[in-house]
Every structure is written in structure tokens, then in C-alpha cells.
C-alpha atoms as a PDB file:
ATOM      1  CA  MET A   1      15.597  -5.258  -6.718  1.00  0.00           C
ATOM      2  CA  VAL A   2      16.221  -7.897  -3.248  1.00  0.00           C
ATOM      3  CA  GLN A   3      14.525 -11.101  -1.734  1.00  0.00           C
ATOM      4  CA  ASN A   4      12.049 -10.475   0.997  1.00  0.00           C
ATOM      5  CA  PRO A   5      12.716 -12.316   3.817  1.00  0.00           C
ATOM      6  CA  ARG A   6       9.176 -12.053   4.933  1.00  0.00           C
ATOM      7  CA  ILE A   7       6.657 -13.838   2.876  1.00  0.00           C
ATOM      8  CA  HIS A   8       3.518 -11.127   1.933  1.00  0.00           C
ATOM      9  CA  SER A   9       0.422 -12.351   1.788  1.00  0.00           C
ATOM     10  CA  THR A  10      -0.672  -8.866   0.725  1.00  0.00           C
ATOM     11  CA  LEU A  11       0.785  -5.305  -1.262  1.00  0.00           C
ATOM     12  CA  VAL A  12       2.881  -3.494   1.525  1.00  0.00           C
ATOM     13  CA  LEU A  13       3.913   0.401   0.961  1.00  0.00           C
ATOM     14  CA  TYR A  14       6.014   1.964   3.806  1.00  0.00           C
ATOM     15  CA  THR A  15       5.922   5.448   3.402  1.00  0.00           C
ATOM     16  CA  ALA A  16       5.965   8.323   4.902  1.00  0.00           C
ATOM     17  CA  ALA A  17       3.555  10.567   6.003  1.00  0.00           C
ATOM     18  CA  ASP A  18       4.959  14.085   3.844  1.00  0.00           C
ATOM     19  CA  ASP A  19       7.535  13.093   1.468  1.00  0.00           C
ATOM     20  CA  ILE A  20       7.602  13.670  -2.711  1.00  0.00           C
ATOM     21  CA  GLN A  21       8.606  10.185  -3.748  1.00  0.00           C
ATOM     22  CA  CYS A  22       6.417   8.237  -0.972  1.00  0.00           C
ATOM     23  CA  HIS A  23       3.013  10.409  -2.583  1.00  0.00           C
ATOM     24  CA  ARG A  24       4.440  10.070  -6.098  1.00  0.00           C
ATOM     25  CA  THR A  25       3.806   6.108  -5.243  1.00  0.00           C
ATOM     26  CA  ARG A  26       0.979   6.429  -3.203  1.00  0.00           C
ATOM     27  CA  LEU A  27      -0.849   8.475  -6.571  1.00  0.00           C
ATOM     28  CA  VAL A  28       0.039   5.667  -8.622  1.00  0.00           C
ATOM     29  CA  LEU A  29      -1.474   3.344  -6.461  1.00  0.00           C
ATOM     30  CA  ALA A  30      -4.531   4.795  -6.173  1.00  0.00           C
ATOM     31  CA  ALA A  31      -4.624   6.028 -10.389  1.00  0.00           C
ATOM     32  CA  LYS A  32      -4.453   2.248 -10.473  1.00  0.00           C
ATOM     33  CA  GLY A  33      -7.572   1.549  -8.345  1.00  0.00           C
ATOM     34  CA  VAL A  34      -4.963  -0.988  -5.995  1.00  0.00           C
ATOM     35  CA  GLY A  35      -5.859  -2.172  -2.934  1.00  0.00           C
ATOM     36  CA  TYR A  36      -3.065  -2.418  -0.118  1.00  0.00           C
ATOM     37  CA  ASP A  37      -2.089  -1.918   3.689  1.00  0.00           C
ATOM     38  CA  ARG A  38       0.247   1.565   4.091  1.00  0.00           C
ATOM     39  CA  GLU A  39       2.328   1.546   6.996  1.00  0.00           C
ATOM     40  CA  ILE A  40       3.568   5.302   8.165  1.00  0.00           C
ATOM     41  CA  ILE A  41       7.040   5.345   8.675  1.00  0.00           C
ATOM     42  CA  ASN A  42       8.939   8.407  10.811  1.00  0.00           C
ATOM     43  CA  PRO A  43      12.185   9.302   8.570  1.00  0.00           C
ATOM     44  CA  GLU A  44      14.263  10.001  11.355  1.00  0.00           C
ATOM     45  CA  LYS A  45      13.007   6.925  13.291  1.00  0.00           C
ATOM     46  CA  LEU A  46      13.014   3.855  10.931  1.00  0.00           C
ATOM     47  CA  ASN A  47      11.809   0.702  12.177  1.00  0.00           C
ATOM     48  CA  SER A  48      13.334  -2.227  12.191  1.00  0.00           C
ATOM     49  CA  ASP A  49      10.726  -3.332   8.445  1.00  0.00           C
ATOM     50  CA  VAL A  50      12.695  -0.498   6.642  1.00  0.00           C
ATOM     51  CA  SER A  51      15.861  -1.901   7.499  1.00  0.00           C
ATOM     52  CA  GLU A  52      15.745  -5.197   7.077  1.00  0.00           C
ATOM     53  CA  LEU A  53      13.990  -4.596   3.345  1.00  0.00           C
ATOM     54  CA  ASN A  54      16.154  -1.609   2.332  1.00  0.00           C
ATOM     55  CA  PRO A  55      19.722  -1.584   2.555  1.00  0.00           C
ATOM     56  CA  TYR A  56      19.419   2.267   2.052  1.00  0.00           C
ATOM     57  CA  GLY A  57      17.317   2.551   4.688  1.00  0.00           C
ATOM     58  CA  THR A  58      15.262   4.880   3.054  1.00  0.00           C
ATOM     59  CA  THR A  59      11.145   5.472   2.140  1.00  0.00           C
ATOM     60  CA  PRO A  60       9.111   4.769  -0.061  1.00  0.00           C
ATOM     61  CA  VAL A  61       9.345   0.305   0.571  1.00  0.00           C
ATOM     62  CA  LEU A  62       6.640  -2.098  -1.793  1.00  0.00           C
ATOM     63  CA  ALA A  63       7.046  -5.646  -0.107  1.00  0.00           C
ATOM     64  CA  GLU A  64       4.576  -7.467  -2.716  1.00  0.00           C
ATOM     65  CA  ARG A  65       5.178 -11.320  -1.502  1.00  0.00           C
ATOM     66  CA  GLU A  66       8.817 -12.627  -2.017  1.00  0.00           C
ATOM     67  CA  ILE A  67      10.025  -9.345  -4.016  1.00  0.00           C
ATOM     68  CA  THR A  68      10.603  -6.230  -2.036  1.00  0.00           C
ATOM     69  CA  LEU A  69      11.489  -2.905  -4.597  1.00  0.00           C
ATOM     70  CA  TYR A  70      12.698   0.661  -3.075  1.00  0.00           C
ATOM     71  CA  ASP A  71      13.633   3.270  -5.400  1.00  0.00           C
ATOM     72  CA  ALA A  72      10.372   5.824  -6.045  1.00  0.00           C
ATOM     73  CA  GLY A  73      11.531   5.132 -10.166  1.00  0.00           C
ATOM     74  CA  VAL A  74      11.060   1.682  -9.501  1.00  0.00           C
ATOM     75  CA  ILE A  75       8.267   1.339  -7.746  1.00  0.00           C
ATOM     76  CA  CYS A  76       6.447   3.372  -9.641  1.00  0.00           C
ATOM     77  CA  GLU A  77       7.502   1.382 -13.208  1.00  0.00           C
ATOM     78  CA  TYR A  78       6.876  -2.137 -11.002  1.00  0.00           C
ATOM     79  CA  LEU A  79       3.168  -1.071 -10.706  1.00  0.00           C
ATOM     80  CA  ASP A  80       2.572   0.118 -14.504  1.00  0.00           C
ATOM     81  CA  GLU A  81       3.631  -3.072 -15.711  1.00  0.00           C
ATOM     82  CA  ARG A  82       2.337  -5.249 -12.937  1.00  0.00           C
ATOM     83  CA  TYR A  83      -1.003  -3.298 -13.031  1.00  0.00           C
ATOM     84  CA  PRO A  84      -1.219  -2.551 -16.750  1.00  0.00           C
ATOM     85  CA  HIS A  85      -4.900  -0.931 -16.254  1.00  0.00           C
ATOM     86  CA  PRO A  86      -5.838   1.790 -16.540  1.00  0.00           C
ATOM     87  CA  PRO A  87      -1.936   2.870 -18.039  1.00  0.00           C
ATOM     88  CA  LEU A  88       0.236   5.499 -16.665  1.00  0.00           C
ATOM     89  CA  MET A  89       2.798   5.594 -19.953  1.00  0.00           C
ATOM     90  CA  PRO A  90       1.405   6.338 -23.700  1.00  0.00           C
ATOM     91  CA  VAL A  91       2.078   2.854 -25.974  1.00  0.00           C
ATOM     92  CA  ASP A  92       4.897   4.562 -28.248  1.00  0.00           C
ATOM     93  CA  PRO A  93       8.712   4.360 -27.709  1.00  0.00           C
ATOM     94  CA  HIS A  94       8.959   8.331 -28.368  1.00  0.00           C
ATOM     95  CA  SER A  95       6.352   9.526 -26.495  1.00  0.00           C
ATOM     96  CA  ARG A  96       7.988   7.507 -23.214  1.00  0.00           C
ATOM     97  CA  ALA A  97      11.154   8.270 -23.722  1.00  0.00           C
ATOM     98  CA  ARG A  98       9.577  11.848 -23.599  1.00  0.00           C
ATOM     99  CA  LEU A  99       8.087  11.338 -20.486  1.00  0.00           C
ATOM    100  CA  ARG A 100      10.876   9.336 -18.694  1.00  0.00           C
ATOM    101  CA  LEU A 101      13.628  12.395 -19.835  1.00  0.00           C
ATOM    102  CA  ALA A 102      11.501  15.005 -18.055  1.00  0.00           C
ATOM    103  CA  MET A 103      10.712  12.684 -15.097  1.00  0.00           C
ATOM    104  CA  MET A 104      14.739  12.553 -14.638  1.00  0.00           C
ATOM    105  CA  ARG A 105      14.829  16.208 -15.557  1.00  0.00           C
ATOM    106  CA  ILE A 106      12.505  16.796 -12.366  1.00  0.00           C
ATOM    107  CA  GLU A 107      14.262  14.352 -10.446  1.00  0.00           C
ATOM    108  CA  ARG A 108      17.435  15.551 -10.394  1.00  0.00           C
ATOM    109  CA  ASP A 109      16.808  19.886 -10.996  1.00  0.00           C
ATOM    110  CA  TRP A 110      13.560  19.961  -9.345  1.00  0.00           C
ATOM    111  CA  LEU A 111      13.084  17.749  -5.906  1.00  0.00           C
ATOM    112  CA  PRO A 112      16.883  18.383  -4.363  1.00  0.00           C
ATOM    113  CA  LEU A 113      15.643  22.265  -4.355  1.00  0.00           C
ATOM    114  CA  THR A 114      12.469  20.930  -2.172  1.00  0.00           C
ATOM    115  CA  VAL A 115      14.330  19.170   0.179  1.00  0.00           C
ATOM    116  CA  ALA A 116      16.695  22.154   1.052  1.00  0.00           C
ATOM    117  CA  MET A 117      13.492  23.679   1.533  1.00  0.00           C
ATOM    118  CA  THR A 118      12.771  21.436   3.974  1.00  0.00           C
ATOM    119  CA  GLU A 119      15.355  21.428   5.551  1.00  0.00           C
ATOM    120  CA  GLY A 120      16.106  25.070   6.306  1.00  0.00           C
ATOM    121  CA  GLY A 121      19.173  26.775   6.755  1.00  0.00           C
ATOM    122  CA  ARG A 122      20.240  29.543   4.866  1.00  0.00           C
ATOM    123  CA  ASN A 123      20.139  27.432   1.214  1.00  0.00           C
ATOM    124  CA  ALA A 124      16.242  27.464   1.620  1.00  0.00           C
ATOM    125  CA  GLU A 125      15.702  30.789   0.487  1.00  0.00           C
ATOM    126  CA  THR A 126      17.986  30.136  -2.689  1.00  0.00           C
ATOM    127  CA  ALA A 127      16.020  26.925  -3.605  1.00  0.00           C
ATOM    128  CA  ARG A 128      12.881  28.992  -2.507  1.00  0.00           C
ATOM    129  CA  LYS A 129      13.575  31.407  -5.391  1.00  0.00           C
ATOM    130  CA  TYR A 130      15.392  28.898  -7.697  1.00  0.00           C
ATOM    131  CA  LEU A 131      12.339  26.359  -7.956  1.00  0.00           C
ATOM    132  CA  ARG A 132       9.852  29.702  -8.328  1.00  0.00           C
ATOM    133  CA  GLU A 133      11.433  30.836 -11.549  1.00  0.00           C
ATOM    134  CA  ALA A 134      11.502  27.084 -12.551  1.00  0.00           C
ATOM    135  CA  LEU A 135       8.897  26.364 -13.161  1.00  0.00           C
ATOM    136  CA  ILE A 136       7.634  29.923 -14.003  1.00  0.00           C
ATOM    137  CA  ALA A 137      10.416  29.232 -17.146  1.00  0.00           C
ATOM    138  CA  SER A 138       8.585  25.322 -17.534  1.00  0.00           C
ATOM    139  CA  VAL A 139       5.385  27.221 -18.258  1.00  0.00           C
ATOM    140  CA  GLU A 140       4.568  26.205 -21.945  1.00  0.00           C
ATOM    141  CA  LEU A 141       5.164  22.809 -21.013  1.00  0.00           C
ATOM    142  CA  PHE A 142       2.597  22.603 -18.332  1.00  0.00           C
ATOM    143  CA  LYS A 143       0.485  24.549 -21.727  1.00  0.00           C
ATOM    144  CA  ALA A 144       1.382  22.077 -24.319  1.00  0.00           C
ATOM    145  CA  ALA A 145      -1.615  19.314 -23.548  1.00  0.00           C
ATOM    146  CA  ARG A 146      -3.541  18.276 -20.820  1.00  0.00           C
ATOM    147  CA  PHE A 147      -1.387  16.509 -18.483  1.00  0.00           C
ATOM    148  CA  LEU A 148       2.426  16.981 -18.840  1.00  0.00           C
ATOM    149  CA  LEU A 149       2.983  16.443 -22.339  1.00  0.00           C
ATOM    150  CA  ASN A 150       0.401  13.447 -22.830  1.00  0.00           C
ATOM    151  CA  SER A 151      -3.300  13.969 -23.396  1.00  0.00           C
ATOM    152  CA  GLU A 152      -3.578  11.578 -20.148  1.00  0.00           C
ATOM    153  CA  ILE A 153      -2.565  11.395 -16.643  1.00  0.00           C
ATOM    154  CA  SER A 154       0.821   9.379 -16.454  1.00  0.00           C
ATOM    155  CA  LEU A 155       3.456   8.500 -14.409  1.00  0.00           C
ATOM    156  CA  ALA A 156       5.055  12.147 -14.551  1.00  0.00           C
ATOM    157  CA  ASP A 157       2.105  13.496 -13.010  1.00  0.00           C
ATOM    158  CA  CYS A 158       2.469  11.141 -10.546  1.00  0.00           C
ATOM    159  CA  LEU A 159       5.467  12.627  -9.530  1.00  0.00           C
ATOM    160  CA  VAL A 160       5.001  16.596 -10.435  1.00  0.00           C
ATOM    161  CA  ALA A 161       2.076  16.513  -8.539  1.00  0.00           C
ATOM    162  CA  PRO A 162       2.982  16.017  -5.693  1.00  0.00           C
ATOM    163  CA  LEU A 163       5.509  19.005  -6.045  1.00  0.00           C
ATOM    164  CA  ILE A 164       3.200  20.996  -6.954  1.00  0.00           C
ATOM    165  CA  TRP A 165       0.662  20.607  -3.889  1.00  0.00           C
ATOM    166  CA  ARG A 166       3.258  21.047  -1.335  1.00  0.00           C
ATOM    167  CA  LEU A 167       3.707  24.930  -3.028  1.00  0.00           C
ATOM    168  CA  PRO A 168       1.898  26.939  -0.558  1.00  0.00           C
ATOM    169  CA  ALA A 169       3.819  25.367   2.048  1.00  0.00           C
ATOM    170  CA  TYR A 170       7.403  25.984   0.772  1.00  0.00           C
ATOM    171  CA  GLY A 171       6.111  29.060   0.282  1.00  0.00           C
ATOM    172  CA  ILE A 172       6.060  29.602  -3.142  1.00  0.00           C
ATOM    173  CA  GLU A 173       3.250  31.793  -5.440  1.00  0.00           C
ATOM    174  CA  LEU A 174       3.233  31.490  -8.664  1.00  0.00           C
ATOM    175  CA  PRO A 175       2.999  34.825 -10.848  1.00  0.00           C
ATOM    176  CA  ARG A 176      -0.361  35.254 -13.337  1.00  0.00           C
ATOM    177  CA  SER A 177       1.428  34.475 -15.471  1.00  0.00           C
ATOM    178  CA  ALA A 178       2.117  31.337 -14.543  1.00  0.00           C
ATOM    179  CA  SER A 179      -1.787  30.296 -14.578  1.00  0.00           C
ATOM    180  CA  ALA A 180      -0.446  27.622 -15.977  1.00  0.00           C
ATOM    181  CA  VAL A 181       0.781  25.492 -13.690  1.00  0.00           C
ATOM    182  CA  ASN A 182      -1.752  26.239 -11.025  1.00  0.00           C
ATOM    183  CA  ASP A 183      -4.418  25.368 -13.479  1.00  0.00           C
ATOM    184  CA  TYR A 184      -2.448  21.769 -14.358  1.00  0.00           C
ATOM    185  CA  GLY A 185      -2.766  21.426 -10.826  1.00  0.00           C
ATOM    186  CA  GLU A 186      -5.942  22.471  -9.778  1.00  0.00           C
ATOM    187  CA  ARG A 187      -6.969  19.268 -12.615  1.00  0.00           C
ATOM    188  CA  LEU A 188      -4.881  16.918 -10.469  1.00  0.00           C
ATOM    189  CA  PHE A 189      -6.326  17.601  -7.206  1.00  0.00           C
ATOM    190  CA  ALA A 190      -9.589  17.125  -8.741  1.00  0.00           C
ATOM    191  CA  SER A 191      -9.453  13.313  -8.975  1.00  0.00           C
ATOM    192  CA  PRO A 192     -10.222  10.996  -6.557  1.00  0.00           C
ATOM    193  CA  SER A 193      -7.063   9.555  -6.914  1.00  0.00           C
ATOM    194  CA  PHE A 194      -5.223  12.540  -5.535  1.00  0.00           C
ATOM    195  CA  ALA A 195      -7.510  12.556  -2.799  1.00  0.00           C
ATOM    196  CA  ARG A 196      -7.607   9.018  -1.785  1.00  0.00           C
ATOM    197  CA  SER A 197      -3.159   9.357  -2.556  1.00  0.00           C
ATOM    198  CA  MET A 198      -2.791  11.704   1.019  1.00  0.00           C
ATOM    199  CA  THR A 199      -1.673  11.528   4.013  1.00  0.00           C
ATOM    200  CA  ARG A 200      -4.057  13.420   6.739  1.00  0.00           C
ATOM    201  CA  LEU A 201      -0.576  15.298   7.131  1.00  0.00           C
ATOM    202  CA  GLU A 202      -0.224  16.004   3.497  1.00  0.00           C
ATOM    203  CA  ARG A 203      -3.953  17.373   3.033  1.00  0.00           C
ATOM    204  CA  SER A 204      -3.254  19.755   5.907  1.00  0.00           C
ATOM    205  CA  LEU A 205      -0.712  21.286   3.927  1.00  0.00           C
ATOM    206  CA  ARG A 206      -3.453  23.263   1.719  1.00  0.00           C
ATOM    207  CA  GLU A 207      -5.526  23.693   4.805  1.00  0.00           C
END
């Protein structure tokens, strides 16, 4: 957290047009029904605002009045506490810790594979194979509850849903034995919140 050198009268999200972590943050905002200004940033050509607000020069960046936040996980936790209804984490500590652990593993194990696929090169095909195998191996996780390890949508779903949405764009097709993963995705994609969270570019990934 840093003190924002500019005072914002509204909530501003600096976001890439196609990025899982940015999409994750937008999905949390949509699920909360929070109004905000969306500033689409080209990650290859960051504007001066992002460079000034985030020492790492990455998106997403959230600016609200005198506070600026970066790192998608920090932003999402802040939004869930700042706008408590509807809650996106369970009340009891055990369930919260279990979901946080699941998110940590997804960020460490799955998201680097999506980066490798996006960048292309000789590692892309290996990353595609590993992610496909990881999703197939995690079928029981998607069967355990209506949402990820929970009966209600949570911050964990806001992380996973953007990844599942991008599977066709990554060239990943799951077998029938992993239909629970696709079914899970379709439940989330059908929500008005998911539709509101997407940029035009992200919508085109499945058109």
C-alpha cells in the first residue's frame, strides 16, 4: 500500500484488456456491484499514471481517494472487506484458510503456465500439456461443491473463472471425464457479474 499522490473522488481500476489477474479483480467488483472507472492499459506501453502509482509498473492498480493498491490478491481482499455485501469469503476461519490455500496453489502452479502459453515459444506446448493434466487431476475439486470448495461464490472463483474462460484460447480441450470443470465454468459464465466483468477483447476469446 502506498499513499496516492493524486486524490481520486471515485474508484479507479487500471487494468489490462486481457489478463487473468486483472479480470479477477474486475469480477470481484462486478460481483459486489461496485461502480468504478475502468482505465484500460496496454501492458507493453504503460502510461505515466500506472508507473507513478505502482513501483512495479504492473496492472491491476486500484486507486480510491487517498489510497492506492496493487497486487490482485491484495486488491480483492480489500474490496471484500471494503464492500462487505455480498461476502465473497466464508465466515469460519477453517473454510477461509482452505480457500486461501487453494488460491495460493493456483497462483503458484497454474498461472505461470498461462503466462508461458501466452508468451509462446518452445515452452508453450509443455505448459499447455501441464495445465490440461492439472485440471484433469483436479476434477474432484470441482465436484466437491457448487462453487470451488464452497456453496457460494468466493474470491477463489473470481480467480479460477477467468482461467477456465480462456481454455479455448489456450488450445486446451478437456476430455469428457473432466466435464465437471466445464460445468463449473458454465455456472459462473452465466452470471450477470461475469458478463459485466469482461472487456470487449475477453468476450472475443469465445466468439
